[in-house]
Amino acid sequence: QATWCNPCKAMSSILENVVTDIPIEEVDIDEDRD
């Protein structure tokens, strides 16, 4: 994701309401370009 990305923000709010045992790691593409 990226902080400037509105669809990313929307996906984050959807993910907050998803119940799963799978760990989800957020990666900011501007901070972790590699």
PDB file of all heavy atoms in Angstrom:
ATOM      1  N   GLN A   1       0.844  -1.191   0.000  1.00  0.00           N
ATOM      2  CA  GLN A   1       0.000   0.000   0.000  1.00  0.00           C
ATOM      3  C   GLN A   1       0.878   1.239   0.000  1.00  0.00           C
ATOM      4  O   GLN A   1       2.091   1.146   0.054  1.00  0.00           O
ATOM      5  CB  GLN A   1      -0.875  -0.003   1.242  1.00  0.00           C
ATOM      6  CG  GLN A   1      -0.053   0.039   2.526  1.00  0.00           C
ATOM      7  CD  GLN A   1      -0.910  -0.042   3.761  1.00  0.00           C
ATOM      8  OE1 GLN A   1      -2.087  -0.341   3.702  1.00  0.00           O
ATOM      9  NE2 GLN A   1      -0.311   0.245   4.900  1.00  0.00           N
ATOM     10  N   ALA A   2       0.217   2.407  -0.041  1.00  0.00           N
ATOM     11  CA  ALA A   2       0.908   3.688   0.070  1.00  0.00           C
ATOM     12  C   ALA A   2      -0.003   4.655   0.823  1.00  0.00           C
ATOM     13  O   ALA A   2      -1.236   4.548   0.748  1.00  0.00           O
ATOM     14  CB  ALA A   2       1.229   4.242  -1.312  1.00  0.00           C
ATOM     15  N   THR A   3       0.600   5.578   1.546  1.00  0.00           N
ATOM     16  CA  THR A   3      -0.191   6.518   2.348  1.00  0.00           C
ATOM     17  C   THR A   3      -1.043   7.437   1.474  1.00  0.00           C
ATOM     18  O   THR A   3      -2.101   7.878   1.896  1.00  0.00           O
ATOM     19  CB  THR A   3       0.728   7.382   3.238  1.00  0.00           C
ATOM     20  OG1 THR A   3       1.687   8.034   2.414  1.00  0.00           O
ATOM     21  CG2 THR A   3       1.423   6.535   4.278  1.00  0.00           C
ATOM     22  N   TRP A   4      -0.625   7.696   0.244  1.00  0.00           N
ATOM     23  CA  TRP A   4      -1.342   8.595  -0.661  1.00  0.00           C
ATOM     24  C   TRP A   4      -2.439   7.888  -1.458  1.00  0.00           C
ATOM     25  O   TRP A   4      -3.166   8.515  -2.218  1.00  0.00           O
ATOM     26  CB  TRP A   4      -0.352   9.257  -1.625  1.00  0.00           C
ATOM     27  CG  TRP A   4       0.627   8.275  -2.224  1.00  0.00           C
ATOM     28  CD1 TRP A   4       1.893   8.040  -1.801  1.00  0.00           C
ATOM     29  CD2 TRP A   4       0.412   7.390  -3.333  1.00  0.00           C
ATOM     30  NE1 TRP A   4       2.490   7.065  -2.571  1.00  0.00           N
ATOM     31  CE2 TRP A   4       1.595   6.653  -3.523  1.00  0.00           C
ATOM     32  CE3 TRP A   4      -0.661   7.149  -4.186  1.00  0.00           C
ATOM     33  CZ2 TRP A   4       1.743   5.706  -4.518  1.00  0.00           C
ATOM     34  CZ3 TRP A   4      -0.522   6.203  -5.187  1.00  0.00           C
ATOM     35  CH2 TRP A   4       0.668   5.496  -5.345  1.00  0.00           C
ATOM     36  N   CYS A   5      -2.596   6.591  -1.260  1.00  0.00           N
ATOM     37  CA  CYS A   5      -3.504   5.758  -2.072  1.00  0.00           C
ATOM     38  C   CYS A   5      -4.867   5.609  -1.385  1.00  0.00           C
ATOM     39  O   CYS A   5      -4.975   4.933  -0.360  1.00  0.00           O
ATOM     40  CB  CYS A   5      -2.840   4.396  -2.282  1.00  0.00           C
ATOM     41  SG  CYS A   5      -3.899   3.141  -3.004  1.00  0.00           S
ATOM     42  N   ASN A   6      -5.901   6.232  -1.959  1.00  0.00           N
ATOM     43  CA  ASN A   6      -7.245   6.129  -1.380  1.00  0.00           C
ATOM     44  C   ASN A   6      -7.808   4.703  -1.425  1.00  0.00           C
ATOM     45  O   ASN A   6      -8.419   4.268  -0.449  1.00  0.00           O
ATOM     46  CB  ASN A   6      -8.191   7.135  -2.016  1.00  0.00           C
ATOM     47  CG  ASN A   6      -7.913   8.542  -1.534  1.00  0.00           C
ATOM     48  OD1 ASN A   6      -7.483   8.750  -0.391  1.00  0.00           O
ATOM     49  ND2 ASN A   6      -8.120   9.520  -2.388  1.00  0.00           N
ATOM     50  N   PRO A   7      -7.655   3.951  -2.527  1.00  0.00           N
ATOM     51  CA  PRO A   7      -8.123   2.563  -2.513  1.00  0.00           C
ATOM     52  C   PRO A   7      -7.431   1.722  -1.431  1.00  0.00           C
ATOM     53  O   PRO A   7      -8.040   0.817  -0.858  1.00  0.00           O
ATOM     54  CB  PRO A   7      -7.797   2.051  -3.918  1.00  0.00           C
ATOM     55  CG  PRO A   7      -7.803   3.273  -4.766  1.00  0.00           C
ATOM     56  CD  PRO A   7      -7.237   4.357  -3.880  1.00  0.00           C
ATOM     57  N   CYS A   8      -6.172   2.049  -1.124  1.00  0.00           N
ATOM     58  CA  CYS A   8      -5.450   1.327  -0.066  1.00  0.00           C
ATOM     59  C   CYS A   8      -6.103   1.585   1.286  1.00  0.00           C
ATOM     60  O   CYS A   8      -6.251   0.673   2.105  1.00  0.00           O
ATOM     61  CB  CYS A   8      -3.991   1.768  -0.010  1.00  0.00           C
ATOM     62  SG  CYS A   8      -3.060   1.417  -1.504  1.00  0.00           S
ATOM     63  N   LYS A   9      -6.503   2.834   1.516  1.00  0.00           N
ATOM     64  CA  LYS A   9      -7.175   3.183   2.772  1.00  0.00           C
ATOM     65  C   LYS A   9      -8.504   2.444   2.883  1.00  0.00           C
ATOM     66  O   LYS A   9      -8.860   1.956   3.945  1.00  0.00           O
ATOM     67  CB  LYS A   9      -7.388   4.691   2.851  1.00  0.00           C
ATOM     68  CG  LYS A   9      -6.095   5.459   2.968  1.00  0.00           C
ATOM     69  CD  LYS A   9      -6.335   6.955   2.875  1.00  0.00           C
ATOM     70  CE  LYS A   9      -5.005   7.684   2.783  1.00  0.00           C
ATOM     71  NZ  LYS A   9      -5.171   9.119   2.552  1.00  0.00           N
ATOM     72  N   ALA A  10      -9.228   2.366   1.766  1.00  0.00           N
ATOM     73  CA  ALA A  10     -10.506   1.643   1.757  1.00  0.00           C
ATOM     74  C   ALA A  10     -10.289   0.159   2.039  1.00  0.00           C
ATOM     75  O   ALA A  10     -11.033  -0.455   2.808  1.00  0.00           O
ATOM     76  CB  ALA A  10     -11.222   1.847   0.421  1.00  0.00           C
ATOM     77  N   MET A  11      -9.248  -0.430   1.430  1.00  0.00           N
ATOM     78  CA  MET A  11      -8.951  -1.845   1.673  1.00  0.00           C
ATOM     79  C   MET A  11      -8.573  -2.076   3.137  1.00  0.00           C
ATOM     80  O   MET A  11      -8.936  -3.097   3.716  1.00  0.00           O
ATOM     81  CB  MET A  11      -7.809  -2.329   0.773  1.00  0.00           C
ATOM     82  CG  MET A  11      -8.228  -2.689  -0.628  1.00  0.00           C
ATOM     83  SD  MET A  11      -9.276  -4.150  -0.712  1.00  0.00           S
ATOM     84  CE  MET A  11      -8.114  -5.419  -0.271  1.00  0.00           C
ATOM     85  N   SER A  12      -7.859  -1.148   3.737  1.00  0.00           N
ATOM     86  CA  SER A  12      -7.488  -1.280   5.148  1.00  0.00           C
ATOM     87  C   SER A  12      -8.724  -1.331   6.029  1.00  0.00           C
ATOM     88  O   SER A  12      -8.800  -2.139   6.956  1.00  0.00           O
ATOM     89  CB  SER A  12      -6.579  -0.125   5.576  1.00  0.00           C
ATOM     90  OG  SER A  12      -5.320  -0.258   4.980  1.00  0.00           O
ATOM     91  N   SER A  13      -9.721  -0.492   5.723  1.00  0.00           N
ATOM     92  CA  SER A  13     -10.937  -0.511   6.543  1.00  0.00           C
ATOM     93  C   SER A  13     -11.738  -1.793   6.319  1.00  0.00           C
ATOM     94  O   SER A  13     -12.340  -2.316   7.255  1.00  0.00           O
ATOM     95  CB  SER A  13     -11.792   0.731   6.290  1.00  0.00           C
ATOM     96  OG  SER A  13     -12.287   0.745   4.986  1.00  0.00           O
ATOM     97  N   ILE A  14     -11.714  -2.326   5.116  1.00  0.00           N
ATOM     98  CA  ILE A  14     -12.378  -3.611   4.846  1.00  0.00           C
ATOM     99  C   ILE A  14     -11.657  -4.728   5.597  1.00  0.00           C
ATOM    100  O   ILE A  14     -12.290  -5.584   6.219  1.00  0.00           O
ATOM    101  CB  ILE A  14     -12.431  -3.897   3.329  1.00  0.00           C
ATOM    102  CG1 ILE A  14     -13.388  -2.916   2.644  1.00  0.00           C
ATOM    103  CG2 ILE A  14     -12.857  -5.338   3.058  1.00  0.00           C
ATOM    104  CD1 ILE A  14     -13.337  -2.947   1.131  1.00  0.00           C
ATOM    105  N   LEU A  15     -10.329  -4.715   5.572  1.00  0.00           N
ATOM    106  CA  LEU A  15      -9.539  -5.749   6.258  1.00  0.00           C
ATOM    107  C   LEU A  15      -9.776  -5.746   7.761  1.00  0.00           C
ATOM    108  O   LEU A  15      -9.690  -6.795   8.398  1.00  0.00           O
ATOM    109  CB  LEU A  15      -8.054  -5.559   5.972  1.00  0.00           C
ATOM    110  CG  LEU A  15      -7.558  -6.149   4.662  1.00  0.00           C
ATOM    111  CD1 LEU A  15      -6.160  -5.662   4.338  1.00  0.00           C
ATOM    112  CD2 LEU A  15      -7.588  -7.660   4.713  1.00  0.00           C
ATOM    113  N   GLU A  16     -10.089  -4.586   8.329  1.00  0.00           N
ATOM    114  CA  GLU A  16     -10.372  -4.519   9.766  1.00  0.00           C
ATOM    115  C   GLU A  16     -11.597  -5.349  10.138  1.00  0.00           C
ATOM    116  O   GLU A  16     -11.727  -5.788  11.272  1.00  0.00           O
ATOM    117  CB  GLU A  16     -10.588  -3.064  10.195  1.00  0.00           C
ATOM    118  CG  GLU A  16      -9.321  -2.242  10.203  1.00  0.00           C
ATOM    119  CD  GLU A  16      -9.577  -0.781  10.506  1.00  0.00           C
ATOM    120  OE1 GLU A  16     -10.730  -0.405  10.821  1.00  0.00           O
ATOM    121  OE2 GLU A  16      -8.617  -0.003  10.431  1.00  0.00           O
ATOM    122  N   ASN A  17     -12.497  -5.559   9.175  1.00  0.00           N
ATOM    123  CA  ASN A  17     -13.738  -6.294   9.427  1.00  0.00           C
ATOM    124  C   ASN A  17     -13.687  -7.742   8.958  1.00  0.00           C
ATOM    125  O   ASN A  17     -14.697  -8.428   8.976  1.00  0.00           O
ATOM    126  CB  ASN A  17     -14.909  -5.572   8.765  1.00  0.00           C
ATOM    127  CG  ASN A  17     -15.119  -4.204   9.364  1.00  0.00           C
ATOM    128  OD1 ASN A  17     -15.189  -4.058  10.574  1.00  0.00           O
ATOM    129  ND2 ASN A  17     -15.189  -3.193   8.517  1.00  0.00           N
ATOM    130  N   VAL A  18     -12.527  -8.192   8.512  1.00  0.00           N
ATOM    131  CA  VAL A  18     -12.365  -9.563   8.041  1.00  0.00           C
ATOM    132  C   VAL A  18     -11.795 -10.414   9.173  1.00  0.00           C
ATOM    133  O   VAL A  18     -10.821 -10.026   9.810  1.00  0.00           O
ATOM    134  CB  VAL A  18     -11.438  -9.605   6.808  1.00  0.00           C
ATOM    135  CG1 VAL A  18     -11.067 -11.032   6.463  1.00  0.00           C
ATOM    136  CG2 VAL A  18     -12.093  -8.926   5.627  1.00  0.00           C
ATOM    137  N   VAL A  19     -12.425 -11.549   9.403  1.00  0.00           N
ATOM    138  CA  VAL A  19     -11.942 -12.477  10.417  1.00  0.00           C
ATOM    139  C   VAL A  19     -11.152 -13.580   9.717  1.00  0.00           C
ATOM    140  O   VAL A  19     -11.682 -14.286   8.870  1.00  0.00           O
ATOM    141  CB  VAL A  19     -13.120 -13.085  11.219  1.00  0.00           C
ATOM    142  CG1 VAL A  19     -12.609 -14.103  12.224  1.00  0.00           C
ATOM    143  CG2 VAL A  19     -13.920 -11.988  11.892  1.00  0.00           C
ATOM    144  N   THR A  20      -9.866 -13.673  10.063  1.00  0.00           N
ATOM    145  CA  THR A  20      -9.008 -14.690   9.465  1.00  0.00           C
ATOM    146  C   THR A  20      -7.870 -15.025  10.429  1.00  0.00           C
ATOM    147  O   THR A  20      -7.466 -14.183  11.230  1.00  0.00           O
ATOM    148  CB  THR A  20      -8.432 -14.217   8.106  1.00  0.00           C
ATOM    149  OG1 THR A  20      -7.641 -15.270   7.554  1.00  0.00           O
ATOM    150  CG2 THR A  20      -7.586 -12.965   8.238  1.00  0.00           C
ATOM    151  N   ASP A  21      -7.387 -16.252  10.331  1.00  0.00           N
ATOM    152  CA  ASP A  21      -6.228 -16.667  11.111  1.00  0.00           C
ATOM    153  C   ASP A  21      -4.929 -16.366  10.375  1.00  0.00           C
ATOM    154  O   ASP A  21      -3.843 -16.553  10.918  1.00  0.00           O
ATOM    155  CB  ASP A  21      -6.295 -18.167  11.411  1.00  0.00           C
ATOM    156  CG  ASP A  21      -7.428 -18.512  12.357  1.00  0.00           C
ATOM    157  OD1 ASP A  21      -7.827 -17.636  13.152  1.00  0.00           O
ATOM    158  OD2 ASP A  21      -7.920 -19.645  12.308  1.00  0.00           O
ATOM    159  N   ILE A  22      -5.046 -15.924   9.135  1.00  0.00           N
ATOM    160  CA  ILE A  22      -3.868 -15.661   8.314  1.00  0.00           C
ATOM    161  C   ILE A  22      -3.290 -14.292   8.689  1.00  0.00           C
ATOM    162  O   ILE A  22      -3.996 -13.286   8.643  1.00  0.00           O
ATOM    163  CB  ILE A  22      -4.227 -15.685   6.812  1.00  0.00           C
ATOM    164  CG1 ILE A  22      -4.789 -17.052   6.415  1.00  0.00           C
ATOM    165  CG2 ILE A  22      -3.007 -15.332   5.965  1.00  0.00           C
ATOM    166  CD1 ILE A  22      -5.358 -17.099   5.015  1.00  0.00           C
ATOM    167  N   PRO A  23      -2.019 -14.243   9.064  1.00  0.00           N
ATOM    168  CA  PRO A  23      -1.408 -12.949   9.369  1.00  0.00           C
ATOM    169  C   PRO A  23      -1.315 -12.086   8.108  1.00  0.00           C
ATOM    170  O   PRO A  23      -0.980 -12.585   7.029  1.00  0.00           O
ATOM    171  CB  PRO A  23      -0.019 -13.293   9.890  1.00  0.00           C
ATOM    172  CG  PRO A  23       0.099 -14.764   9.900  1.00  0.00           C
ATOM    173  CD  PRO A  23      -1.107 -15.356   9.269  1.00  0.00           C
ATOM    174  N   ILE A  24      -1.631 -10.812   8.262  1.00  0.00           N
ATOM    175  CA  ILE A  24      -1.559  -9.860   7.153  1.00  0.00           C
ATOM    176  C   ILE A  24      -0.575  -8.767   7.537  1.00  0.00           C
ATOM    177  O   ILE A  24      -0.770  -8.066   8.520  1.00  0.00           O
ATOM    178  CB  ILE A  24      -2.946  -9.277   6.828  1.00  0.00           C
ATOM    179  CG1 ILE A  24      -3.903 -10.398   6.427  1.00  0.00           C
ATOM    180  CG2 ILE A  24      -2.832  -8.224   5.721  1.00  0.00           C
ATOM    181  CD1 ILE A  24      -5.338  -9.991   6.253  1.00  0.00           C
ATOM    182  N   GLU A  25       0.490  -8.663   6.749  1.00  0.00           N
ATOM    183  CA  GLU A  25       1.529  -7.669   7.000  1.00  0.00           C
ATOM    184  C   GLU A  25       1.375  -6.532   6.004  1.00  0.00           C
ATOM    185  O   GLU A  25       1.322  -6.764   4.800  1.00  0.00           O
ATOM    186  CB  GLU A  25       2.914  -8.278   6.850  1.00  0.00           C
ATOM    187  CG  GLU A  25       3.232  -9.351   7.859  1.00  0.00           C
ATOM    188  CD  GLU A  25       4.613  -9.952   7.643  1.00  0.00           C
ATOM    189  OE1 GLU A  25       5.490  -9.311   7.035  1.00  0.00           O
ATOM    190  OE2 GLU A  25       4.800 -11.106   8.092  1.00  0.00           O
ATOM    191  N   GLU A  26       1.314  -5.310   6.517  1.00  0.00           N
ATOM    192  CA  GLU A  26       1.211  -4.150   5.646  1.00  0.00           C
ATOM    193  C   GLU A  26       2.602  -3.658   5.273  1.00  0.00           C
ATOM    194  O   GLU A  26       3.481  -3.546   6.129  1.00  0.00           O
ATOM    195  CB  GLU A  26       0.406  -3.049   6.323  1.00  0.00           C
ATOM    196  CG  GLU A  26      -1.041  -3.446   6.524  1.00  0.00           C
ATOM    197  CD  GLU A  26      -1.911  -2.301   7.023  1.00  0.00           C
ATOM    198  OE1 GLU A  26      -1.377  -1.249   7.413  1.00  0.00           O
ATOM    199  OE2 GLU A  26      -3.134  -2.481   7.013  1.00  0.00           O
ATOM    200  N   VAL A  27       2.790  -3.375   3.982  1.00  0.00           N
ATOM    201  CA  VAL A  27       4.068  -2.907   3.473  1.00  0.00           C
ATOM    202  C   VAL A  27       3.827  -1.604   2.725  1.00  0.00           C
ATOM    203  O   VAL A  27       3.075  -1.582   1.744  1.00  0.00           O
ATOM    204  CB  VAL A  27       4.711  -3.939   2.510  1.00  0.00           C
ATOM    205  CG1 VAL A  27       6.040  -3.422   1.981  1.00  0.00           C
ATOM    206  CG2 VAL A  27       4.868  -5.297   3.183  1.00  0.00           C
ATOM    207  N   ASP A  28       4.433  -0.525   3.182  1.00  0.00           N
ATOM    208  CA  ASP A  28       4.341   0.766   2.498  1.00  0.00           C
ATOM    209  C   ASP A  28       5.377   0.762   1.377  1.00  0.00           C
ATOM    210  O   ASP A  28       6.583   0.656   1.649  1.00  0.00           O
ATOM    211  CB  ASP A  28       4.599   1.902   3.480  1.00  0.00           C
ATOM    212  CG  ASP A  28       4.349   3.271   2.868  1.00  0.00           C
ATOM    213  OD1 ASP A  28       4.850   3.528   1.741  1.00  0.00           O
ATOM    214  OD2 ASP A  28       3.652   4.079   3.506  1.00  0.00           O
ATOM    215  N   ILE A  29       4.916   0.894   0.144  1.00  0.00           N
ATOM    216  CA  ILE A  29       5.838   0.783  -0.993  1.00  0.00           C
ATOM    217  C   ILE A  29       6.843   1.932  -1.046  1.00  0.00           C
ATOM    218  O   ILE A  29       7.895   1.800  -1.645  1.00  0.00           O
ATOM    219  CB  ILE A  29       5.086   0.675  -2.340  1.00  0.00           C
ATOM    220  CG1 ILE A  29       4.249   1.918  -2.598  1.00  0.00           C
ATOM    221  CG2 ILE A  29       4.254  -0.591  -2.391  1.00  0.00           C
ATOM    222  CD1 ILE A  29       3.746   2.041  -4.026  1.00  0.00           C
ATOM    223  N   ASP A  30       6.509   3.064  -0.424  1.00  0.00           N
ATOM    224  CA  ASP A  30       7.445   4.182  -0.403  1.00  0.00           C
ATOM    225  C   ASP A  30       8.519   4.003   0.663  1.00  0.00           C
ATOM    226  O   ASP A  30       9.619   4.536   0.532  1.00  0.00           O
ATOM    227  CB  ASP A  30       6.693   5.502  -0.166  1.00  0.00           C
ATOM    228  CG  ASP A  30       5.770   5.839  -1.330  1.00  0.00           C
ATOM    229  OD1 ASP A  30       6.153   5.582  -2.491  1.00  0.00           O
ATOM    230  OD2 ASP A  30       4.660   6.345  -1.081  1.00  0.00           O
ATOM    231  N   GLU A  31       8.219   3.244   1.712  1.00  0.00           N
ATOM    232  CA  GLU A  31       9.182   3.006   2.783  1.00  0.00           C
ATOM    233  C   GLU A  31      10.000   1.736   2.546  1.00  0.00           C
ATOM    234  O   GLU A  31      11.121   1.635   3.032  1.00  0.00           O
ATOM    235  CB  GLU A  31       8.465   2.904   4.126  1.00  0.00           C
ATOM    236  CG  GLU A  31       7.852   4.204   4.578  1.00  0.00           C
ATOM    237  CD  GLU A  31       7.125   4.082   5.903  1.00  0.00           C
ATOM    238  OE1 GLU A  31       7.237   3.038   6.571  1.00  0.00           O
ATOM    239  OE2 GLU A  31       6.428   5.043   6.259  1.00  0.00           O
ATOM    240  N   ASP A  32       9.447   0.761   1.852  1.00  0.00           N
ATOM    241  CA  ASP A  32      10.139  -0.500   1.605  1.00  0.00           C
ATOM    242  C   ASP A  32      10.139  -0.812   0.111  1.00  0.00           C
ATOM    243  O   ASP A  32       9.525  -1.775  -0.347  1.00  0.00           O
ATOM    244  CB  ASP A  32       9.496  -1.631   2.407  1.00  0.00           C
ATOM    245  CG  ASP A  32      10.420  -2.831   2.557  1.00  0.00           C
ATOM    246  OD1 ASP A  32      11.405  -2.928   1.785  1.00  0.00           O
ATOM    247  OD2 ASP A  32      10.158  -3.662   3.438  1.00  0.00           O
ATOM    248  N   ARG A  33      10.824   0.030  -0.627  1.00  0.00           N
ATOM    249  CA  ARG A  33      10.869  -0.121  -2.095  1.00  0.00           C
ATOM    250  C   ARG A  33      11.515  -1.435  -2.528  1.00  0.00           C
ATOM    251  O   ARG A  33      11.123  -2.017  -3.526  1.00  0.00           O
ATOM    252  CB  ARG A  33      11.604   1.058  -2.720  1.00  0.00           C
ATOM    253  CG  ARG A  33      10.863   2.352  -2.574  1.00  0.00           C
ATOM    254  CD  ARG A  33      11.684   3.528  -3.059  1.00  0.00           C
ATOM    255  NE  ARG A  33      11.019   4.753  -2.680  1.00  0.00           N
ATOM    256  CZ  ARG A  33      10.705   5.707  -3.519  1.00  0.00           C
ATOM    257  NH1 ARG A  33      11.011   5.593  -4.797  1.00  0.00           N
ATOM    258  NH2 ARG A  33      10.098   6.787  -3.103  1.00  0.00           N
ATOM    259  N   ASP A  34      12.510  -1.892  -1.758  1.00  0.00           N
ATOM    260  CA  ASP A  34      13.195  -3.138  -2.118  1.00  0.00           C
ATOM    261  C   ASP A  34      12.235  -4.325  -2.111  1.00  0.00           C
ATOM    262  O   ASP A  34      12.247  -5.150  -3.026  1.00  0.00           O
ATOM    263  CB  ASP A  34      14.359  -3.420  -1.170  1.00  0.00           C
ATOM    264  CG  ASP A  34      15.515  -2.447  -1.359  1.00  0.00           C
ATOM    265  OD1 ASP A  34      15.594  -1.800  -2.428  1.00  0.00           O
ATOM    266  OD2 ASP A  34      16.344  -2.327  -0.437  1.00  0.00           O
TER     267      ASP A  34
END
